[in-house]
N, C-alpha and C. Protein backbone atom coordinates (compact mmCIF):
# COMPACT_ATOMS: atom_id res chain seq x y z
N MET A 1 175.00 178.90 131.75
CA MET A 1 175.39 179.91 130.78
C MET A 1 174.44 181.10 130.89
N LYS A 2 175.00 182.27 130.96
CA LYS A 2 174.22 183.49 131.08
C LYS A 2 173.61 183.87 129.73
N ASP A 3 172.56 184.70 129.77
CA ASP A 3 171.91 185.17 128.54
C ASP A 3 172.90 185.91 127.65
N VAL A 4 173.79 186.70 128.27
CA VAL A 4 174.76 187.46 127.48
C VAL A 4 175.70 186.50 126.77
N ASP A 5 176.16 185.47 127.48
CA ASP A 5 177.06 184.48 126.86
C ASP A 5 176.36 183.76 125.72
N LEU A 6 175.11 183.43 125.91
CA LEU A 6 174.34 182.74 124.87
C LEU A 6 174.18 183.64 123.65
N LYS A 7 173.90 184.92 123.90
CA LYS A 7 173.75 185.87 122.79
C LYS A 7 175.05 186.01 122.02
N ILE A 8 176.18 186.07 122.71
CA ILE A 8 177.48 186.21 122.05
C ILE A 8 177.80 184.95 121.25
N CYS A 9 177.50 183.78 121.82
CA CYS A 9 177.70 182.52 121.08
C CYS A 9 176.86 182.50 119.81
N PHE A 10 175.60 182.93 119.93
CA PHE A 10 174.72 182.99 118.78
C PHE A 10 175.27 183.96 117.73
N GLY A 11 175.77 185.10 118.19
CA GLY A 11 176.34 186.10 117.28
C GLY A 11 177.54 185.55 116.53
N LYS A 12 178.40 184.82 117.23
CA LYS A 12 179.57 184.23 116.59
C LYS A 12 179.16 183.16 115.57
N LEU A 13 178.17 182.37 115.93
CA LEU A 13 177.67 181.37 114.99
C LEU A 13 177.07 182.04 113.76
N LEU A 14 176.32 183.10 113.98
CA LEU A 14 175.73 183.85 112.87
C LEU A 14 176.83 184.46 112.00
N GLY A 15 177.91 184.93 112.62
CA GLY A 15 179.05 185.46 111.88
C GLY A 15 179.66 184.41 110.96
N GLU A 16 179.77 183.18 111.46
CA GLU A 16 180.31 182.09 110.63
C GLU A 16 179.36 181.76 109.48
N VAL A 17 178.06 181.78 109.75
CA VAL A 17 177.08 181.54 108.68
C VAL A 17 177.20 182.64 107.62
N TYR A 18 177.29 183.89 108.06
CA TYR A 18 177.44 185.01 107.12
C TYR A 18 178.72 184.86 106.31
N ARG A 19 179.80 184.40 106.95
CA ARG A 19 181.07 184.22 106.24
C ARG A 19 180.90 183.17 105.13
N LEU A 20 180.20 182.08 105.44
CA LEU A 20 179.93 181.05 104.43
C LEU A 20 179.08 181.62 103.28
N GLN A 21 178.09 182.42 103.63
CA GLN A 21 177.25 183.04 102.61
C GLN A 21 178.09 183.96 101.72
N GLN A 22 178.99 184.69 102.34
CA GLN A 22 179.87 185.59 101.58
C GLN A 22 180.77 184.77 100.66
N HIS A 23 181.24 183.63 101.15
CA HIS A 23 182.13 182.77 100.37
C HIS A 23 181.45 182.24 99.10
N VAL A 24 180.15 182.01 99.16
CA VAL A 24 179.43 181.51 97.98
C VAL A 24 178.86 182.64 97.13
N GLY A 25 179.26 183.88 97.44
CA GLY A 25 178.91 184.99 96.57
C GLY A 25 177.79 185.89 97.03
N MET A 26 177.24 185.65 98.20
CA MET A 26 176.18 186.53 98.69
C MET A 26 176.80 187.82 99.22
N ASP A 27 176.03 188.89 99.17
CA ASP A 27 176.52 190.21 99.58
C ASP A 27 176.36 190.38 101.09
N VAL A 28 177.46 190.13 101.80
CA VAL A 28 177.48 190.31 103.25
C VAL A 28 178.70 191.16 103.58
N GLU A 29 178.50 192.22 104.35
CA GLU A 29 179.59 193.13 104.66
C GLU A 29 180.60 192.48 105.59
N GLU A 30 181.87 192.64 105.26
CA GLU A 30 182.97 192.07 106.06
C GLU A 30 182.94 192.63 107.49
N GLY A 31 182.62 193.92 107.62
CA GLY A 31 182.58 194.54 108.94
C GLY A 31 181.52 193.91 109.84
N VAL A 32 180.39 193.56 109.27
CA VAL A 32 179.33 192.91 110.05
C VAL A 32 179.82 191.55 110.53
N ILE A 33 180.45 190.81 109.63
CA ILE A 33 180.97 189.49 109.99
C ILE A 33 181.99 189.62 111.12
N ASP A 34 182.94 190.54 110.98
CA ASP A 34 183.97 190.72 112.00
C ASP A 34 183.37 191.10 113.35
N ASN A 35 182.39 192.00 113.33
CA ASN A 35 181.76 192.42 114.59
C ASN A 35 181.00 191.26 115.25
N LEU A 36 180.35 190.42 114.44
CA LEU A 36 179.66 189.26 115.01
C LEU A 36 180.67 188.29 115.61
N LEU A 37 181.73 188.02 114.88
CA LEU A 37 182.74 187.08 115.36
C LEU A 37 183.46 187.60 116.61
N ASP A 38 183.55 188.92 116.72
CA ASP A 38 184.17 189.52 117.91
C ASP A 38 183.20 189.59 119.09
N GLY A 39 181.95 189.23 118.86
CA GLY A 39 180.97 189.26 119.94
C GLY A 39 180.45 190.64 120.28
N ASN A 40 180.44 191.54 119.31
CA ASN A 40 179.97 192.91 119.52
C ASN A 40 178.46 192.87 119.77
N GLU A 41 178.07 193.08 121.03
CA GLU A 41 176.65 192.97 121.41
C GLU A 41 175.76 193.95 120.67
N GLU A 42 176.25 195.13 120.39
CA GLU A 42 175.44 196.13 119.70
C GLU A 42 175.04 195.64 118.31
N VAL A 43 176.00 195.04 117.58
CA VAL A 43 175.72 194.52 116.25
C VAL A 43 174.79 193.31 116.34
N ILE A 44 175.05 192.44 117.32
CA ILE A 44 174.19 191.27 117.51
C ILE A 44 172.76 191.71 117.80
N ASP A 45 172.60 192.67 118.71
CA ASP A 45 171.27 193.18 119.04
C ASP A 45 170.58 193.79 117.82
N GLU A 46 171.34 194.53 117.02
CA GLU A 46 170.76 195.17 115.83
C GLU A 46 170.25 194.12 114.85
N ILE A 47 171.05 193.09 114.63
CA ILE A 47 170.63 192.04 113.69
C ILE A 47 169.45 191.27 114.24
N LEU A 48 169.48 190.95 115.52
CA LEU A 48 168.36 190.21 116.10
C LEU A 48 167.08 191.03 116.10
N SER A 49 167.19 192.32 116.36
CA SER A 49 165.98 193.15 116.43
C SER A 49 165.36 193.36 115.06
N THR A 50 166.17 193.30 114.00
CA THR A 50 165.61 193.51 112.67
C THR A 50 165.13 192.22 112.03
N SER A 51 165.48 191.08 112.62
CA SER A 51 165.12 189.83 111.96
C SER A 51 164.03 189.05 112.69
N LEU A 52 163.70 189.46 113.89
CA LEU A 52 162.71 188.71 114.65
C LEU A 52 161.36 189.43 114.68
N LEU A 53 160.32 188.64 114.61
CA LEU A 53 158.97 189.16 114.85
C LEU A 53 158.62 188.82 116.29
N THR A 54 158.13 189.79 117.02
CA THR A 54 157.74 189.51 118.40
C THR A 54 156.29 189.06 118.45
N SER A 55 155.95 188.38 119.51
CA SER A 55 154.56 187.96 119.67
C SER A 55 153.65 189.17 119.80
N ALA A 56 154.17 190.26 120.38
CA ALA A 56 153.38 191.49 120.51
C ALA A 56 153.06 192.08 119.13
N GLN A 57 154.03 192.06 118.23
CA GLN A 57 153.79 192.58 116.87
C GLN A 57 152.77 191.72 116.14
N ILE A 58 152.92 190.41 116.24
CA ILE A 58 151.99 189.50 115.58
C ILE A 58 150.59 189.67 116.15
N SER A 59 150.49 189.77 117.46
CA SER A 59 149.19 189.94 118.12
C SER A 59 148.53 191.25 117.72
N HIS A 60 149.33 192.31 117.63
CA HIS A 60 148.76 193.61 117.27
C HIS A 60 148.19 193.57 115.85
N VAL A 61 148.94 193.01 114.92
CA VAL A 61 148.45 192.92 113.54
C VAL A 61 147.19 192.05 113.51
N ALA A 62 147.19 190.95 114.25
CA ALA A 62 146.00 190.09 114.30
C ALA A 62 144.81 190.85 114.87
N ASP A 63 145.04 191.66 115.90
CA ASP A 63 143.95 192.45 116.49
C ASP A 63 143.38 193.45 115.48
N VAL A 64 144.24 194.02 114.65
CA VAL A 64 143.77 194.97 113.64
C VAL A 64 142.98 194.25 112.54
N LEU A 65 143.38 193.04 112.19
CA LEU A 65 142.72 192.31 111.09
C LEU A 65 141.45 191.57 111.53
N THR A 66 141.36 191.19 112.78
CA THR A 66 140.24 190.36 113.26
C THR A 66 138.86 190.95 112.98
N PRO A 67 138.62 192.24 113.15
CA PRO A 67 137.29 192.78 112.85
C PRO A 67 136.83 192.51 111.42
N PHE A 68 137.78 192.39 110.50
CA PHE A 68 137.42 192.14 109.10
C PHE A 68 137.05 190.68 108.86
N ILE A 69 137.52 189.81 109.71
CA ILE A 69 137.12 188.39 109.66
C ILE A 69 135.74 188.24 110.28
N ASP A 70 135.51 188.98 111.38
CA ASP A 70 134.26 188.87 112.13
C ASP A 70 133.07 189.52 111.42
N ASP A 71 133.33 190.50 110.56
CA ASP A 71 132.25 191.26 109.93
C ASP A 71 132.52 191.38 108.43
N SER A 72 131.78 190.63 107.63
CA SER A 72 132.01 190.61 106.18
C SER A 72 131.77 191.97 105.53
N SER A 73 130.89 192.79 106.13
CA SER A 73 130.66 194.12 105.54
C SER A 73 131.90 195.00 105.71
N LYS A 74 132.61 194.83 106.81
CA LYS A 74 133.86 195.57 106.99
C LYS A 74 134.88 195.13 105.96
N LEU A 75 134.93 193.83 105.71
CA LEU A 75 135.87 193.31 104.71
C LEU A 75 135.55 193.87 103.33
N GLU A 76 134.28 193.93 102.99
CA GLU A 76 133.87 194.47 101.69
C GLU A 76 134.27 195.93 101.53
N SER A 77 134.23 196.69 102.62
CA SER A 77 134.54 198.12 102.53
C SER A 77 136.04 198.40 102.69
N LEU A 78 136.84 197.38 102.88
CA LEU A 78 138.28 197.56 103.04
C LEU A 78 138.91 197.94 101.69
N ASP A 79 139.55 199.11 101.66
CA ASP A 79 140.14 199.62 100.43
C ASP A 79 141.58 199.17 100.22
N GLY A 80 142.29 198.89 101.29
CA GLY A 80 143.69 198.51 101.17
C GLY A 80 144.45 198.83 102.45
N TYR A 81 145.74 198.72 102.36
CA TYR A 81 146.62 198.89 103.52
C TYR A 81 146.50 200.26 104.17
N TYR A 82 146.40 201.30 103.36
CA TYR A 82 146.39 202.65 103.91
C TYR A 82 145.24 202.88 104.87
N GLN A 83 144.18 202.11 104.74
CA GLN A 83 143.04 202.22 105.64
C GLN A 83 143.41 201.71 107.05
N LEU A 84 144.42 200.85 107.14
CA LEU A 84 144.82 200.24 108.42
C LEU A 84 146.11 200.83 108.98
N LYS A 85 146.83 201.56 108.18
CA LYS A 85 148.17 202.00 108.54
C LYS A 85 148.24 202.72 109.89
N ASN A 86 147.34 203.64 110.16
CA ASN A 86 147.39 204.39 111.42
C ASN A 86 147.23 203.47 112.63
N LYS A 87 146.31 202.50 112.54
CA LYS A 87 146.11 201.57 113.66
C LYS A 87 147.36 200.71 113.86
N LEU A 88 147.97 200.29 112.77
CA LEU A 88 149.19 199.49 112.88
C LEU A 88 150.32 200.32 113.47
N ASP A 89 150.46 201.56 113.00
CA ASP A 89 151.49 202.46 113.52
C ASP A 89 151.31 202.73 115.01
N GLU A 90 150.06 202.87 115.45
CA GLU A 90 149.78 203.12 116.87
C GLU A 90 150.32 202.01 117.75
N GLY A 91 150.37 200.81 117.23
CA GLY A 91 150.90 199.67 117.98
C GLY A 91 152.39 199.46 117.76
N GLY A 92 153.04 200.42 117.08
CA GLY A 92 154.47 200.33 116.86
C GLY A 92 154.88 199.35 115.78
N VAL A 93 153.95 199.04 114.87
CA VAL A 93 154.25 198.10 113.79
C VAL A 93 154.36 198.89 112.49
N ASP A 94 155.57 198.96 111.95
CA ASP A 94 155.80 199.72 110.71
C ASP A 94 155.43 198.89 109.48
N ASP A 95 155.57 199.49 108.31
CA ASP A 95 155.17 198.83 107.06
C ASP A 95 155.94 197.53 106.83
N TYR A 96 157.26 197.59 107.00
CA TYR A 96 158.09 196.41 106.75
C TYR A 96 157.70 195.27 107.68
N THR A 97 157.50 195.58 108.95
CA THR A 97 157.12 194.54 109.91
C THR A 97 155.74 193.99 109.58
N THR A 98 154.83 194.86 109.16
CA THR A 98 153.50 194.40 108.76
C THR A 98 153.59 193.41 107.60
N MET A 99 154.44 193.72 106.62
CA MET A 99 154.59 192.79 105.49
C MET A 99 155.13 191.45 105.96
N ARG A 100 156.05 191.47 106.90
CA ARG A 100 156.61 190.22 107.41
C ARG A 100 155.56 189.42 108.21
N VAL A 101 154.72 190.12 108.97
CA VAL A 101 153.64 189.44 109.69
C VAL A 101 152.63 188.87 108.69
N PHE A 102 152.31 189.63 107.66
CA PHE A 102 151.41 189.12 106.61
C PHE A 102 151.99 187.85 105.98
N GLN A 103 153.29 187.84 105.71
CA GLN A 103 153.92 186.63 105.15
C GLN A 103 153.74 185.46 106.11
N TYR A 104 153.94 185.72 107.38
CA TYR A 104 153.77 184.69 108.40
C TYR A 104 152.32 184.16 108.38
N PHE A 105 151.37 185.08 108.34
CA PHE A 105 149.96 184.67 108.31
C PHE A 105 149.63 183.88 107.04
N LEU A 106 150.13 184.33 105.90
CA LEU A 106 149.85 183.63 104.65
C LEU A 106 150.42 182.21 104.68
N ARG A 107 151.61 182.06 105.24
CA ARG A 107 152.23 180.74 105.32
C ARG A 107 151.45 179.81 106.25
N SER A 108 150.78 180.39 107.23
CA SER A 108 150.01 179.56 108.17
C SER A 108 148.52 179.59 107.86
N SER A 109 148.16 180.11 106.69
CA SER A 109 146.77 180.19 106.22
C SER A 109 145.85 180.90 107.21
N SER A 110 146.36 181.98 107.78
CA SER A 110 145.57 182.82 108.69
C SER A 110 145.29 184.16 108.03
N PHE A 111 144.10 184.67 108.21
CA PHE A 111 143.71 186.00 107.70
C PHE A 111 143.91 186.11 106.18
N THR A 112 143.91 185.00 105.49
CA THR A 112 144.22 184.98 104.06
C THR A 112 143.30 185.90 103.26
N GLU A 113 142.00 185.81 103.51
CA GLU A 113 141.04 186.61 102.75
C GLU A 113 141.26 188.11 102.97
N VAL A 114 141.53 188.48 104.22
CA VAL A 114 141.76 189.90 104.53
C VAL A 114 143.06 190.38 103.87
N ILE A 115 144.10 189.59 103.99
CA ILE A 115 145.40 189.98 103.42
C ILE A 115 145.31 190.08 101.90
N GLU A 116 144.60 189.16 101.27
CA GLU A 116 144.42 189.24 99.82
C GLU A 116 143.69 190.51 99.43
N LYS A 117 142.67 190.87 100.20
CA LYS A 117 141.92 192.10 99.93
C LYS A 117 142.83 193.33 100.09
N ILE A 118 143.65 193.33 101.13
CA ILE A 118 144.57 194.44 101.37
C ILE A 118 145.58 194.55 100.24
N CYS A 119 146.15 193.42 99.86
CA CYS A 119 147.24 193.40 98.87
C CYS A 119 146.77 193.69 97.45
N THR A 120 145.49 193.52 97.19
CA THR A 120 144.97 193.82 95.86
C THR A 120 144.30 195.19 95.82
N GLY A 121 144.22 195.84 96.96
CA GLY A 121 143.59 197.16 97.04
C GLY A 121 144.60 198.28 96.97
N TYR A 122 144.23 199.39 97.57
CA TYR A 122 145.05 200.60 97.59
C TYR A 122 146.16 200.41 98.62
N SER A 123 147.28 199.86 98.16
CA SER A 123 148.39 199.50 99.03
C SER A 123 149.72 199.72 98.33
N PRO A 124 150.80 199.87 99.10
CA PRO A 124 152.13 200.01 98.49
C PRO A 124 152.47 198.77 97.65
N VAL A 125 153.36 198.95 96.70
CA VAL A 125 153.75 197.87 95.80
C VAL A 125 154.28 196.66 96.57
N GLY A 126 155.02 196.89 97.63
CA GLY A 126 155.56 195.78 98.42
C GLY A 126 154.48 194.84 98.91
N PHE A 127 153.34 195.38 99.26
CA PHE A 127 152.22 194.55 99.72
C PHE A 127 151.62 193.78 98.55
N LYS A 128 151.54 194.41 97.41
CA LYS A 128 151.00 193.73 96.23
C LYS A 128 151.88 192.55 95.84
N ASN A 129 153.18 192.68 96.05
CA ASN A 129 154.12 191.61 95.72
C ASN A 129 154.06 190.45 96.71
N LEU A 130 153.47 190.65 97.88
CA LEU A 130 153.37 189.57 98.87
C LEU A 130 152.63 188.36 98.32
N LEU A 131 151.56 188.62 97.59
CA LEU A 131 150.78 187.51 97.06
C LEU A 131 151.57 186.74 96.02
N LYS A 132 152.36 187.44 95.22
CA LYS A 132 153.20 186.77 94.23
C LYS A 132 154.24 185.90 94.91
N SER A 133 154.88 186.42 95.97
CA SER A 133 155.93 185.66 96.64
C SER A 133 155.37 184.47 97.42
N SER A 134 154.15 184.60 97.93
CA SER A 134 153.56 183.46 98.66
C SER A 134 153.08 182.37 97.69
N ASP A 135 152.72 182.76 96.45
CA ASP A 135 152.32 181.79 95.44
C ASP A 135 153.48 180.92 94.99
N SER A 136 154.67 181.50 95.01
CA SER A 136 155.84 180.78 94.51
C SER A 136 156.43 179.82 95.53
N LYS A 137 155.90 179.80 96.74
CA LYS A 137 156.46 178.93 97.79
C LYS A 137 155.66 177.67 97.92
């Protein structure tokens, strides 16, 4: 089976899952479901690209956070997310992706102290809510 065939099969399966979600009342657009079931590669690629974290993204965020683990004085002087934003942006990691990587790290108990410092400091509200959502899991 070719990669394209596998991707189309995955897209069709995802379309069926979305249809079930829609049936139980979740908000899923009919057009998205139809395009997935039809094997529209562009829609499949769009959904896959927005839902997956790449190892490069995870590694970049880890590289940005590691100095704060290695040096407690750097951690103490960390004001919040905005202090790291430019470095994260330079690696092509936007705010939304950063929050998703932080969720991944929190679930695996990695960089917890740094993320807590970021989320309680000068940061967007979405980051502050990360700690609340990880506490409830």
